[in-house]
Amino acid sequence: MSFIKFLGTAGARFVMLKQLRASGGMWFSINNTNFIVDPGPCCLFRIIKSKPKLHPEKLDGIFLSHKHLDHACEINLMIEAMTQGGRKKQGIVFTPLDAIENDPVILKYIRSFPEKIEILQEGEEYNLKDIKFEIPVRHKHGVETYGFKLKSENIPVISYIPDTTFFPEIIEKYKGSDVLIINTVLYEKKENVVHLSLQEAEDIISQIKPQKAIITHLGMTMIKNKIWEKQEEISKRTKTDVIIAYDGMNLEI
């Protein structure tokens, strides 16, 4: 069975710092390939406490969309966990270049632990066992940021739109997505804040037309407005099955 486990759904810094929602990223298990996306604070704790139980030593890879701490705080810890403290050389780490070169978040001593570190670039494709990651476009965020379109045999196309401000190419580049995970921090648009608002997320969903869309990475205004109570009306407006993710949610693929 293929599934995505939402270890945490906290968006941006304040919800994460106050732990109003859990943080820690997402665990993907796709056709017996296991990988973590954006291992933020408490990632390992959420994995260990997960039900059904998840096993970090069985990870095949880690995907880092960008180096902000709410996404990357436990990247080194998860590399240690994946490689059993460096004793077992396994797994691939997918990361933007600036996460290892410019003010790096992946420590030098740990870079030899995985089998390989793949540097993400716009328009390129990467393989993890029988999974293929297509990197559609570089996002417009404060640091180098990439999402993916994930393809594997006998499953729908799963796309992840991480942190970004809106730009029209997002819609074109992520078209063809069957399942769309979209980070949506803001209830209403704020100038000079490089995150998506709910209205922008709805516009993206409406135009991409996935079979299912999952809104996650919820910021303070999304929490204050109890966005989970508006799931049905968002689904009606976008004409899509929209789910507001919650901590520990298990989405079967």
C-alpha atoms as a PDB file:
ATOM      1  CA  MET A   1       0.000   0.000   0.000  1.00  0.00           C
ATOM      2  CA  SER A   2       1.276   3.476  -0.907  1.00  0.00           C
ATOM      3  CA  PHE A   3       0.579   6.378   1.453  1.00  0.00           C
ATOM      4  CA  ILE A   4       1.659   9.825   2.618  1.00  0.00           C
ATOM      5  CA  LYS A   5       1.889  10.515   6.353  1.00  0.00           C
ATOM      6  CA  PHE A   6       1.630  14.177   7.364  1.00  0.00           C
ATOM      7  CA  LEU A   7       3.896  14.236  10.397  1.00  0.00           C
ATOM      8  CA  GLY A   8       3.083  17.902  10.969  1.00  0.00           C
ATOM      9  CA  THR A   9       1.106  20.676   9.311  1.00  0.00           C
ATOM     10  CA  ALA A  10       2.556  23.808  10.934  1.00  0.00           C
ATOM     11  CA  GLY A  11       3.273  26.599   8.489  1.00  0.00           C
ATOM     12  CA  ALA A  12       5.915  29.296   8.701  1.00  0.00           C
ATOM     13  CA  ARG A  13       7.625  30.299  11.899  1.00  0.00           C
ATOM     14  CA  PHE A  14       5.019  31.310  14.469  1.00  0.00           C
ATOM     15  CA  VAL A  15       2.759  28.271  14.312  1.00  0.00           C
ATOM     16  CA  MET A  16       5.913  26.144  14.343  1.00  0.00           C
ATOM     17  CA  LEU A  17       7.597  28.038  17.197  1.00  0.00           C
ATOM     18  CA  LYS A  18       4.478  27.865  19.351  1.00  0.00           C
ATOM     19  CA  GLN A  19       3.773  24.283  18.194  1.00  0.00           C
ATOM     20  CA  LEU A  20       0.134  25.195  17.675  1.00  0.00           C
ATOM     21  CA  ARG A  21       0.388  22.441  15.108  1.00  0.00           C
ATOM     22  CA  ALA A  22       3.056  19.794  14.898  1.00  0.00           C
ATOM     23  CA  SER A  23       5.967  20.218  12.494  1.00  0.00           C
ATOM     24  CA  GLY A  24       8.213  17.596  10.980  1.00  0.00           C
ATOM     25  CA  GLY A  25       7.363  17.286   7.293  1.00  0.00           C
ATOM     26  CA  MET A  26       5.883  14.350   5.389  1.00  0.00           C
ATOM     27  CA  TRP A  27       6.719  10.650   5.120  1.00  0.00           C
ATOM     28  CA  PHE A  28       6.091   9.106   1.684  1.00  0.00           C
ATOM     29  CA  SER A  29       5.821   5.364   1.183  1.00  0.00           C
ATOM     30  CA  ILE A  30       5.381   4.785  -2.543  1.00  0.00           C
ATOM     31  CA  ASN A  31       5.662   1.303  -4.059  1.00  0.00           C
ATOM     32  CA  ASN A  32       7.886   0.164  -1.165  1.00  0.00           C
ATOM     33  CA  THR A  33      10.136   3.222  -1.471  1.00  0.00           C
ATOM     34  CA  ASN A  34      10.284   5.384   1.667  1.00  0.00           C
ATOM     35  CA  PHE A  35      11.426   8.984   1.854  1.00  0.00           C
ATOM     36  CA  ILE A  36      10.983  12.081   3.984  1.00  0.00           C
ATOM     37  CA  VAL A  37      10.098  15.517   2.640  1.00  0.00           C
ATOM     38  CA  ASP A  38      11.199  18.639   4.551  1.00  0.00           C
ATOM     39  CA  PRO A  39      12.286  17.259   7.952  1.00  0.00           C
ATOM     40  CA  GLY A  40      11.533  20.214  10.195  1.00  0.00           C
ATOM     41  CA  PRO A  41      11.443  20.361  14.004  1.00  0.00           C
ATOM     42  CA  CYS A  42      10.393  17.149  15.800  1.00  0.00           C
ATOM     43  CA  CYS A  43      10.524  15.076  12.590  1.00  0.00           C
ATOM     44  CA  LEU A  44      12.248  12.097  14.215  1.00  0.00           C
ATOM     45  CA  PHE A  45       9.990  12.265  17.282  1.00  0.00           C
ATOM     46  CA  ARG A  46       6.855  12.229  15.092  1.00  0.00           C
ATOM     47  CA  ILE A  47       8.214   9.264  13.135  1.00  0.00           C
ATOM     48  CA  ILE A  48       9.034   7.254  16.245  1.00  0.00           C
ATOM     49  CA  LYS A  49       5.629   7.988  17.812  1.00  0.00           C
ATOM     50  CA  SER A  50       3.685   7.392  14.597  1.00  0.00           C
ATOM     51  CA  LYS A  51       0.939   4.774  14.462  1.00  0.00           C
ATOM     52  CA  PRO A  52       1.276   2.534  12.579  1.00  0.00           C
ATOM     53  CA  LYS A  53       4.990   2.626  13.352  1.00  0.00           C
ATOM     54  CA  LEU A  54       7.461   4.069  10.869  1.00  0.00           C
ATOM     55  CA  HIS A  55      11.107   3.001  10.751  1.00  0.00           C
ATOM     56  CA  PRO A  56      13.670   5.742   9.951  1.00  0.00           C
ATOM     57  CA  GLU A  57      16.399   3.159   9.279  1.00  0.00           C
ATOM     58  CA  LYS A  58      14.287   1.976   6.320  1.00  0.00           C
ATOM     59  CA  LEU A  59      14.366   5.349   4.589  1.00  0.00           C
ATOM     60  CA  ASP A  60      15.588   5.360   1.006  1.00  0.00           C
ATOM     61  CA  GLY A  61      15.894   9.114   0.689  1.00  0.00           C
ATOM     62  CA  ILE A  62      15.272  12.642   1.936  1.00  0.00           C
ATOM     63  CA  PHE A  63      13.912  15.499  -0.185  1.00  0.00           C
ATOM     64  CA  LEU A  64      14.642  19.039   1.013  1.00  0.00           C
ATOM     65  CA  SER A  65      12.676  21.756  -0.782  1.00  0.00           C
ATOM     66  CA  HIS A  66      14.655  24.585   0.823  1.00  0.00           C
ATOM     67  CA  LYS A  67      16.839  25.347   3.800  1.00  0.00           C
ATOM     68  CA  HIS A  68      14.544  27.418   6.047  1.00  0.00           C
ATOM     69  CA  LEU A  69      14.570  25.889   9.517  1.00  0.00           C
ATOM     70  CA  ASP A  70      10.877  24.955   9.620  1.00  0.00           C
ATOM     71  CA  HIS A  71      11.709  22.631   6.690  1.00  0.00           C
ATOM     72  CA  ALA A  72      15.332  21.693   7.352  1.00  0.00           C
ATOM     73  CA  CYS A  73      15.891  21.790  11.116  1.00  0.00           C
ATOM     74  CA  GLU A  74      16.336  18.002  11.399  1.00  0.00           C
ATOM     75  CA  ILE A  75      17.931  17.224   8.032  1.00  0.00           C
ATOM     76  CA  ASN A  76      21.193  16.149   9.687  1.00  0.00           C
ATOM     77  CA  LEU A  77      19.404  14.104  12.309  1.00  0.00           C
ATOM     78  CA  MET A  78      17.378  12.302   9.646  1.00  0.00           C
ATOM     79  CA  ILE A  79      20.510  11.559   7.600  1.00  0.00           C
ATOM     80  CA  GLU A  80      21.971  10.037  10.776  1.00  0.00           C
ATOM     81  CA  ALA A  81      18.785   8.011  11.321  1.00  0.00           C
ATOM     82  CA  MET A  82      18.619   6.842   7.701  1.00  0.00           C
ATOM     83  CA  THR A  83      22.246   5.680   7.726  1.00  0.00           C
ATOM     84  CA  GLN A  84      22.209   4.335  11.302  1.00  0.00           C
ATOM     85  CA  GLY A  85      24.684   6.916  12.479  1.00  0.00           C
ATOM     86  CA  GLY A  86      26.783   6.609   9.356  1.00  0.00           C
ATOM     87  CA  ARG A  87      27.398   2.888   9.856  1.00  0.00           C
ATOM     88  CA  LYS A  88      25.288   1.910   6.855  1.00  0.00           C
ATOM     89  CA  LYS A  89      25.910   3.911   3.700  1.00  0.00           C
ATOM     90  CA  GLN A  90      22.441   4.187   2.195  1.00  0.00           C
ATOM     91  CA  GLY A  91      19.902   6.601   0.824  1.00  0.00           C
ATOM     92  CA  ILE A  92      19.941   9.642  -1.431  1.00  0.00           C
ATOM     93  CA  VAL A  93      19.544  13.248  -0.256  1.00  0.00           C
ATOM     94  CA  PHE A  94      17.932  15.650  -2.743  1.00  0.00           C
ATOM     95  CA  THR A  95      18.714  19.278  -1.924  1.00  0.00           C
ATOM     96  CA  PRO A  96      19.113  22.754  -3.415  1.00  0.00           C
ATOM     97  CA  LEU A  97      22.716  23.821  -3.866  1.00  0.00           C
ATOM     98  CA  ASP A  98      22.513  26.677  -1.380  1.00  0.00           C
ATOM     99  CA  ALA A  99      21.669  24.223   1.408  1.00  0.00           C
ATOM    100  CA  ILE A 100      25.216  22.875   1.199  1.00  0.00           C
ATOM    101  CA  GLU A 101      27.221  25.820  -0.165  1.00  0.00           C
ATOM    102  CA  ASN A 102      25.873  29.163   0.962  1.00  0.00           C
ATOM    103  CA  ASP A 103      25.231  29.274   4.722  1.00  0.00           C
ATOM    104  CA  PRO A 104      24.764  25.480   4.655  1.00  0.00           C
ATOM    105  CA  VAL A 105      22.279  23.510   6.724  1.00  0.00           C
ATOM    106  CA  ILE A 106      23.683  20.071   5.826  1.00  0.00           C
ATOM    107  CA  LEU A 107      26.824  19.659   7.901  1.00  0.00           C
ATOM    108  CA  LYS A 108      30.059  18.719   6.158  1.00  0.00           C
ATOM    109  CA  TYR A 109      30.882  15.721   8.347  1.00  0.00           C
ATOM    110  CA  ILE A 110      27.580  14.042   7.530  1.00  0.00           C
ATOM    111  CA  ARG A 111      27.670  14.434   3.750  1.00  0.00           C
ATOM    112  CA  SER A 112      29.556  11.170   3.246  1.00  0.00           C
ATOM    113  CA  PHE A 113      26.932   9.120   5.139  1.00  0.00           C
ATOM    114  CA  PRO A 114      24.315   8.704   2.354  1.00  0.00           C
ATOM    115  CA  GLU A 115      25.018   6.959  -0.933  1.00  0.00           C
ATOM    116  CA  LYS A 116      24.660  10.204  -2.817  1.00  0.00           C
ATOM    117  CA  ILE A 117      23.671  13.861  -2.555  1.00  0.00           C
ATOM    118  CA  GLU A 118      21.738  15.052  -5.599  1.00  0.00           C
ATOM    119  CA  ILE A 119      21.695  18.799  -6.293  1.00  0.00           C
ATOM    120  CA  LEU A 120      18.261  19.910  -7.472  1.00  0.00           C
ATOM    121  CA  GLN A 121      17.927  22.008 -10.606  1.00  0.00           C
ATOM    122  CA  GLU A 122      14.927  23.363 -12.452  1.00  0.00           C
ATOM    123  CA  GLY A 123      13.774  21.139 -15.316  1.00  0.00           C
ATOM    124  CA  GLU A 124      15.828  18.106 -14.289  1.00  0.00           C
ATOM    125  CA  GLU A 125      14.660  14.600 -13.331  1.00  0.00           C
ATOM    126  CA  TYR A 126      15.998  12.425 -10.518  1.00  0.00           C
ATOM    127  CA  ASN A 127      15.499   8.789  -9.607  1.00  0.00           C
ATOM    128  CA  LEU A 128      14.991   7.105  -6.267  1.00  0.00           C
ATOM    129  CA  LYS A 129      14.603   3.359  -6.829  1.00  0.00           C
ATOM    130  CA  ASP A 130      11.466   3.119  -9.007  1.00  0.00           C
ATOM    131  CA  ILE A 131      10.356   6.707  -8.323  1.00  0.00           C
ATOM    132  CA  LYS A 132      11.068   9.635 -10.616  1.00  0.00           C
ATOM    133  CA  PHE A 133      11.144  13.239  -9.360  1.00  0.00           C
ATOM    134  CA  GLU A 134      10.590  15.934 -11.978  1.00  0.00           C
ATOM    135  CA  ILE A 135      11.588  19.421 -10.778  1.00  0.00           C
ATOM    136  CA  PRO A 136       9.153  21.687 -12.644  1.00  0.00           C
ATOM    137  CA  VAL A 137      10.376  25.178 -11.739  1.00  0.00           C
ATOM    138  CA  ARG A 138      12.388  27.167  -9.228  1.00  0.00           C
ATOM    139  CA  HIS A 139      10.002  28.788  -6.780  1.00  0.00           C
ATOM    140  CA  LYS A 140      10.039  32.449  -5.802  1.00  0.00           C
ATOM    141  CA  HIS A 141      10.956  32.383  -2.137  1.00  0.00           C
ATOM    142  CA  GLY A 142      13.656  33.874   0.057  1.00  0.00           C
ATOM    143  CA  VAL A 143      16.101  31.035  -0.679  1.00  0.00           C
ATOM    144  CA  GLU A 144      16.570  28.458  -3.437  1.00  0.00           C
ATOM    145  CA  THR A 145      13.349  26.407  -3.398  1.00  0.00           C
ATOM    146  CA  TYR A 146      12.002  23.500  -5.466  1.00  0.00           C
ATOM    147  CA  GLY A 147       8.946  21.288  -5.477  1.00  0.00           C
ATOM    148  CA  PHE A 148       8.396  18.112  -7.448  1.00  0.00           C
ATOM    149  CA  LYS A 149       6.122  16.008  -9.618  1.00  0.00           C
ATOM    150  CA  LEU A 150       6.472  12.419  -8.501  1.00  0.00           C
ATOM    151  CA  LYS A 151       5.868   9.564 -10.918  1.00  0.00           C
ATOM    152  CA  SER A 152       5.937   5.836 -10.308  1.00  0.00           C
ATOM    153  CA  GLU A 153       4.281   2.754 -11.726  1.00  0.00           C
ATOM    154  CA  ASN A 154       0.571   2.279 -11.024  1.00  0.00           C
ATOM    155  CA  ILE A 155       0.119   5.406  -8.920  1.00  0.00           C
ATOM    156  CA  PRO A 156      -1.229   8.876  -9.749  1.00  0.00           C
ATOM    157  CA  VAL A 157       1.127  11.803 -10.366  1.00  0.00           C
ATOM    158  CA  ILE A 158       1.774  13.402  -6.963  1.00  0.00           C
ATOM    159  CA  SER A 159       3.009  16.987  -6.862  1.00  0.00           C
ATOM    160  CA  TYR A 160       4.306  19.101  -4.009  1.00  0.00           C
ATOM    161  CA  ILE A 161       4.221  22.896  -4.183  1.00  0.00           C
ATOM    162  CA  PRO A 162       6.314  24.110  -1.233  1.00  0.00           C
ATOM    163  CA  ASP A 163       6.748  27.691  -0.040  1.00  0.00           C
ATOM    164  CA  THR A 164       6.554  30.344  -2.731  1.00  0.00           C
ATOM    165  CA  THR A 165       4.937  33.587  -3.704  1.00  0.00           C
ATOM    166  CA  PHE A 166       2.483  33.258  -6.581  1.00  0.00           C
ATOM    167  CA  PHE A 167       3.745  33.448 -10.149  1.00  0.00           C
ATOM    168  CA  PRO A 168       1.825  32.301 -13.259  1.00  0.00           C
ATOM    169  CA  GLU A 169       4.310  29.591 -14.276  1.00  0.00           C
ATOM    170  CA  ILE A 170       3.295  27.531 -11.239  1.00  0.00           C
ATOM    171  CA  ILE A 171       0.022  26.614 -12.918  1.00  0.00           C
ATOM    172  CA  GLU A 172       1.614  25.659 -16.221  1.00  0.00           C
ATOM    173  CA  LYS A 173       4.502  23.730 -14.662  1.00  0.00           C
ATOM    174  CA  TYR A 174       2.394  21.664 -12.252  1.00  0.00           C
ATOM    175  CA  LYS A 175      -0.362  20.760 -14.715  1.00  0.00           C
ATOM    176  CA  GLY A 176      -0.897  17.028 -15.057  1.00  0.00           C
ATOM    177  CA  SER A 177      -0.881  16.523 -11.290  1.00  0.00           C
ATOM    178  CA  ASP A 178      -3.429  14.030  -9.979  1.00  0.00           C
ATOM    179  CA  VAL A 179      -2.711  14.654  -6.301  1.00  0.00           C
ATOM    180  CA  LEU A 180      -1.541  18.173  -5.407  1.00  0.00           C
ATOM    181  CA  ILE A 181      -0.025  19.036  -2.015  1.00  0.00           C
ATOM    182  CA  ILE A 182       0.189  22.795  -1.639  1.00  0.00           C
ATOM    183  CA  ASN A 183       1.726  24.814   1.202  1.00  0.00           C
ATOM    184  CA  THR A 184      -0.691  27.609   2.105  1.00  0.00           C
ATOM    185  CA  VAL A 185       0.410  29.854   4.935  1.00  0.00           C
ATOM    186  CA  LEU A 186      -1.845  32.901   4.555  1.00  0.00           C
ATOM    187  CA  TYR A 187      -5.611  33.236   4.885  1.00  0.00           C
ATOM    188  CA  GLU A 188      -5.406  36.535   3.011  1.00  0.00           C
ATOM    189  CA  LYS A 189      -2.648  37.886   0.813  1.00  0.00           C
ATOM    190  CA  LYS A 190      -0.039  40.093   2.501  1.00  0.00           C
ATOM    191  CA  GLU A 191       2.324  42.255   0.520  1.00  0.00           C
ATOM    192  CA  ASN A 192       6.010  41.356   0.778  1.00  0.00           C
ATOM    193  CA  VAL A 193       5.242  37.976   2.363  1.00  0.00           C
ATOM    194  CA  VAL A 194       6.581  35.277   0.035  1.00  0.00           C
ATOM    195  CA  HIS A 195       3.936  32.641   0.776  1.00  0.00           C
ATOM    196  CA  LEU A 196       0.703  31.619  -0.905  1.00  0.00           C
ATOM    197  CA  SER A 197      -2.660  32.853   0.317  1.00  0.00           C
ATOM    198  CA  LEU A 198      -5.825  30.754   0.384  1.00  0.00           C
ATOM    199  CA  GLN A 199      -7.246  32.571  -2.653  1.00  0.00           C
ATOM    200  CA  GLU A 200      -4.053  31.961  -4.615  1.00  0.00           C
ATOM    201  CA  ALA A 201      -4.049  28.292  -3.616  1.00  0.00           C
ATOM    202  CA  GLU A 202      -7.670  27.991  -4.747  1.00  0.00           C
ATOM    203  CA  ASP A 203      -6.819  29.605  -8.091  1.00  0.00           C
ATOM    204  CA  ILE A 204      -3.931  27.161  -8.586  1.00  0.00           C
ATOM    205  CA  ILE A 205      -6.108  24.170  -7.707  1.00  0.00           C
ATOM    206  CA  SER A 206      -8.965  25.356  -9.945  1.00  0.00           C
ATOM    207  CA  GLN A 207      -6.687  25.704 -12.961  1.00  0.00           C
ATOM    208  CA  ILE A 208      -4.540  22.598 -12.467  1.00  0.00           C
ATOM    209  CA  LYS A 209      -7.641  20.490 -11.771  1.00  0.00           C
ATOM    210  CA  PRO A 210      -6.118  17.610  -9.787  1.00  0.00           C
ATOM    211  CA  GLN A 211      -8.279  14.735  -8.624  1.00  0.00           C
ATOM    212  CA  LYS A 212      -7.402  15.640  -5.042  1.00  0.00           C
ATOM    213  CA  ALA A 213      -5.700  18.637  -3.415  1.00  0.00           C
ATOM    214  CA  ILE A 214      -4.247  18.768   0.091  1.00  0.00           C
ATOM    215  CA  ILE A 215      -3.704  22.133   1.757  1.00  0.00           C
ATOM    216  CA  THR A 216      -1.025  22.041   4.443  1.00  0.00           C
ATOM    217  CA  HIS A 217       1.708  24.161   6.099  1.00  0.00           C
ATOM    218  CA  LEU A 218      -0.905  26.351   7.764  1.00  0.00           C
ATOM    219  CA  GLY A 219       0.072  29.742   9.103  1.00  0.00           C
ATOM    220  CA  MET A 220      -1.363  31.687  12.036  1.00  0.00           C
ATOM    221  CA  THR A 221      -4.181  33.348  10.102  1.00  0.00           C
ATOM    222  CA  MET A 222      -5.275  29.988   8.686  1.00  0.00           C
ATOM    223  CA  ILE A 223      -5.429  28.600  12.234  1.00  0.00           C
ATOM    224  CA  LYS A 224      -7.311  31.637  13.593  1.00  0.00           C
ATOM    225  CA  ASN A 225      -9.881  31.343  10.802  1.00  0.00           C
ATOM    226  CA  LYS A 226     -10.372  27.603  11.486  1.00  0.00           C
ATOM    227  CA  ILE A 227      -9.665  26.735   7.885  1.00  0.00           C
ATOM    228  CA  TRP A 228     -10.499  23.052   8.468  1.00  0.00           C
ATOM    229  CA  GLU A 229     -14.154  24.073   8.938  1.00  0.00           C
ATOM    230  CA  LYS A 230     -14.160  25.539   5.411  1.00  0.00           C
ATOM    231  CA  GLN A 231     -12.998  22.376   3.631  1.00  0.00           C
ATOM    232  CA  GLU A 232     -16.358  21.665   2.000  1.00  0.00           C
ATOM    233  CA  GLU A 233     -16.871  25.183   0.645  1.00  0.00           C
ATOM    234  CA  ILE A 234     -13.298  25.282  -0.705  1.00  0.00           C
ATOM    235  CA  SER A 235     -13.983  21.985  -2.484  1.00  0.00           C
ATOM    236  CA  LYS A 236     -17.141  23.458  -4.029  1.00  0.00           C
ATOM    237  CA  ARG A 237     -15.383  26.631  -5.175  1.00  0.00           C
ATOM    238  CA  THR A 238     -12.491  24.759  -6.763  1.00  0.00           C
ATOM    239  CA  LYS A 239     -14.610  21.823  -8.013  1.00  0.00           C
ATOM    240  CA  THR A 240     -11.963  19.549  -6.529  1.00  0.00           C
ATOM    241  CA  ASP A 241     -11.809  17.180  -3.587  1.00  0.00           C
ATOM    242  CA  VAL A 242      -9.844  19.406  -1.200  1.00  0.00           C
ATOM    243  CA  ILE A 243      -8.515  18.175   2.139  1.00  0.00           C
ATOM    244  CA  ILE A 244      -7.177  20.425   4.886  1.00  0.00           C
ATOM    245  CA  ALA A 245      -4.339  18.333   6.291  1.00  0.00           C
ATOM    246  CA  TYR A 246      -4.100  17.624   9.999  1.00  0.00           C
ATOM    247  CA  ASP A 247      -1.260  16.361  12.160  1.00  0.00           C
ATOM    248  CA  GLY A 248      -0.756  12.631  11.733  1.00  0.00           C
ATOM    249  CA  MET A 249      -3.073  12.387   8.725  1.00  0.00           C
ATOM    250  CA  ASN A 250      -2.491   9.277   6.620  1.00  0.00           C
ATOM    251  CA  LEU A 251      -3.421   9.666   2.954  1.00  0.00           C
ATOM    252  CA  GLU A 252      -3.664   6.404   1.049  1.00  0.00           C
ATOM    253  CA  ILE A 253      -2.602   6.607  -2.592  1.00  0.00           C
END
